Amino acid sequence: MVRRARKATLAGQENPGFCYDFSVMTGKIPTKERRRHPRHQVNDVKGTLRFSSGAKIINMSLTGMAVETDTQVRVGRSYSLTLKHGNDFVLTLSGSVVWCHLRGIRKTDGGETKSVYHAGFRFEDILTDKAQELTRFLEATAIIALDTRISGRFKLKLTEPVDLDTEYAFVVKTISASGLLLETETAPPEGTTFDMEVHLHGVVLQTRGRIVHSREVTDPKTGRVTQIGVEFVESAEAERHAIEDFIAQQLH
């Protein structure tokens, strides 16, 4: 059973229909409510955030690689790394972040300012058949003489970016037909879009979301976590019906 939570939109947001649960986020009851879809508190609803970003390979060896990216990766965390060369060669490896440093700031063509990070990854599955595939990848892309043995770290003649993918588990605090308030261990910037999977008591919802707000809170069981307001984007009609059916079931 769930109870209705009082909501109000956050001032200054582009979408006035996206609402936050102020009783959960601030402990205060807003004096005026503006909402398109009522938000409901829920228990035992969990899911997974899937983040994907691109990076430029600085150098690579048979054991790891260094990359440049505008996304801060988390030291110690595992990522799925997808390497591409030409139209046919695609290699997916697992790698953990061993270091990550802020290198500077750059401006995009649109005038937006972005941080630039350099990060080092250690490959996790090089003792499998992936090692042979990685050797072939280096032979095809490394800038070395033809008679040089493939060892050490090399720069690559590669224009394609490497895809960095990782997942974070989350717990849903409130839900509506237009979004979620959730708690997780990551703190991505506002405006980040991502794929997500939500387990609605037997129904698995797969959709995309956009972060409209995040802040750190203290959880009595797990310590510091990030509370994130997520707006659904690109939701199909079937996905919206699944959410509405779930809410209706919880209210009875």
Foldseek 3Di string as FASTA:
>chain_A
DWDFAAWACDPPDPDRAFIDRCCVVPVDHDPDHDHDWTKIFDPPKKKKWKDKFWWAWFKDALFWTKTKGLDFDDAQDKWWKWDDDPDPDIAIFIWGWHDKDFDAWDADPVRDITTMMMTMITTDPCVDPSSVSVVVVCLVFFPDDNPDDRGDMGGGPDDDTMMIMDMWMWDFGMDTLWWTKIKTADDDDFQDKTWMWMDLPPDIATFMWGWHDKDWDADPPPGIIIITIITTDPDDPVNSVVRVVSVVVVVD
